[in-house]
Amino acid sequence: MEHLDNGTNKEMSNVIIQSIMKNRTYISTAEKVEALFELIKGLIKDIDENHQDELDEDDFKEEQNSVARLIQLLYTDDTEEMMKVITIFCFSNHCPCSNSVILETIVICLC
């Protein structure tokens, strides 16, 4: 996906997330979480100050909300593996939790 332009990358990332949500595909290993975040990293970001005017705020929030909803599909019965999954979700290089909009949505969903 690194060879795609920004718009196409976002579109493909949205298709991946929508497919996962529609099929209720559980993401059960740390490796799968890392691979997924690598694929959708174009959506895991805060609004860049330089590009803020180019973005539609509603589209941006919708994209970020769809990334945040992925937390519902991170699950495994293996507690050690689940801890790895949660750790990656919260602390990886492409961490959704480092994004203020996604973090806000996750907190709202969990409350």
Protein backbone atom coordinates (compact mmCIF):
# COMPACT_ATOMS: atom_id res chain seq x y z
CA MET A 1 0.00 0.00 0.00
CA GLU A 2 3.04 2.23 0.24
CA HIS A 3 2.93 2.66 -3.54
CA LEU A 4 -0.56 4.17 -3.46
CA ASP A 5 -1.26 7.87 -3.31
CA ASN A 6 -2.69 9.23 -0.05
CA GLY A 7 -6.32 9.24 -1.21
CA THR A 8 -6.23 5.69 -2.56
CA ASN A 9 -4.39 4.50 0.55
CA LYS A 10 -7.13 5.95 2.77
CA GLU A 11 -9.83 4.41 0.59
CA MET A 12 -8.22 0.96 0.71
CA SER A 13 -7.72 1.27 4.48
CA ASN A 14 -11.42 2.08 4.86
CA VAL A 15 -12.37 -0.94 2.72
CA ILE A 16 -10.20 -3.19 4.92
CA ILE A 17 -11.79 -1.86 8.11
CA GLN A 18 -15.33 -2.10 6.72
CA SER A 19 -14.71 -5.70 5.66
CA ILE A 20 -13.37 -6.63 9.10
CA MET A 21 -16.35 -4.98 10.81
CA LYS A 22 -18.96 -6.42 8.42
CA ASN A 23 -17.63 -9.97 8.76
CA ARG A 24 -16.94 -9.59 12.49
CA THR A 25 -13.41 -10.88 11.93
CA TYR A 26 -11.69 -11.20 15.29
CA ILE A 27 -8.05 -10.18 15.41
CA SER A 28 -6.55 -12.64 17.82
CA THR A 29 -2.77 -12.38 17.67
CA ALA A 30 -0.24 -9.64 18.17
CA GLU A 31 1.21 -10.33 14.72
CA LYS A 32 -2.19 -9.81 13.08
CA VAL A 33 -2.67 -6.53 14.95
CA GLU A 34 0.75 -5.30 13.79
CA ALA A 35 0.01 -6.33 10.19
CA LEU A 36 -3.40 -4.64 10.28
CA PHE A 37 -1.99 -1.39 11.66
CA GLU A 38 0.69 -1.43 8.97
CA LEU A 39 -2.04 -1.73 6.32
CA ILE A 40 -4.24 1.04 7.75
CA LYS A 41 -1.51 3.38 8.98
CA GLY A 42 -2.72 6.04 6.55
CA LEU A 43 -5.81 6.49 8.74
CA ILE A 44 -3.98 6.45 12.07
CA LYS A 45 -2.88 10.04 12.39
CA ASP A 46 -3.88 13.38 13.81
CA ILE A 47 -4.74 16.28 11.56
CA ASP A 48 -1.47 17.74 10.34
CA GLU A 49 -1.42 21.47 10.91
CA ASN A 50 -0.23 22.04 7.35
CA HIS A 51 -3.03 20.01 5.75
CA GLN A 52 -5.90 20.92 8.08
CA ASP A 53 -7.61 23.09 5.44
CA GLU A 54 -7.55 20.25 2.87
CA LEU A 55 -9.43 17.81 5.13
CA ASP A 56 -13.15 17.62 5.64
CA GLU A 57 -13.53 17.41 9.42
CA ASP A 58 -16.56 15.09 9.21
CA ASP A 59 -14.72 12.68 6.90
CA PHE A 60 -11.70 12.77 9.19
CA LYS A 61 -13.79 11.95 12.27
CA GLU A 62 -15.59 9.15 10.44
CA GLU A 63 -12.27 7.60 9.41
CA GLN A 64 -10.90 7.86 12.93
CA ASN A 65 -14.09 6.42 14.45
CA SER A 66 -13.87 3.37 12.19
CA VAL A 67 -10.29 2.77 13.35
CA ALA A 68 -11.38 3.15 16.98
CA ARG A 69 -14.19 0.60 16.55
CA LEU A 70 -11.61 -2.05 15.72
CA ILE A 71 -10.96 -2.43 19.45
CA GLN A 72 -14.20 -4.42 19.66
CA LEU A 73 -12.69 -7.09 17.42
CA LEU A 74 -9.41 -7.57 19.27
CA TYR A 75 -10.02 -10.81 21.15
CA THR A 76 -8.45 -14.11 22.10
CA ASP A 77 -9.09 -16.54 24.95
CA ASP A 78 -5.35 -16.74 25.61
CA THR A 79 -4.73 -14.09 28.27
CA GLU A 80 -1.01 -13.75 27.52
CA GLU A 81 -1.69 -13.22 23.81
CA MET A 82 -4.50 -10.77 24.64
CA MET A 83 -2.06 -8.74 26.74
CA LYS A 84 0.31 -8.61 23.74
CA VAL A 85 -2.57 -7.53 21.48
CA ILE A 86 -3.61 -4.75 23.88
CA THR A 87 0.00 -3.64 24.31
CA ILE A 88 0.47 -3.35 20.56
CA PHE A 89 -2.86 -1.56 20.19
CA CYS A 90 -1.83 0.98 22.80
CA PHE A 91 1.90 1.34 22.26
CA SER A 92 2.92 0.40 18.71
CA ASN A 93 4.52 2.77 16.20
CA HIS A 94 1.18 3.06 14.39
CA CYS A 95 -0.72 3.23 17.64
CA PRO A 96 -4.33 4.37 17.34
CA CYS A 97 -4.14 5.51 20.95
CA SER A 98 -1.59 8.16 20.02
CA ASN A 99 -4.30 9.83 17.94
CA SER A 100 -6.46 12.16 20.01
CA VAL A 101 -9.66 11.61 17.98
CA ILE A 102 -9.34 7.82 18.08
CA LEU A 103 -8.45 7.81 21.77
CA GLU A 104 -11.49 9.96 22.56
CA THR A 105 -13.73 7.56 20.63
CA ILE A 106 -12.25 4.50 22.35
CA VAL A 107 -12.85 6.03 25.78
CA ILE A 108 -16.46 6.84 24.85
CA CYS A 109 -17.01 3.27 23.53
CA LEU A 110 -15.58 1.69 26.69
CA CYS A 111 -17.56 3.82 29.15
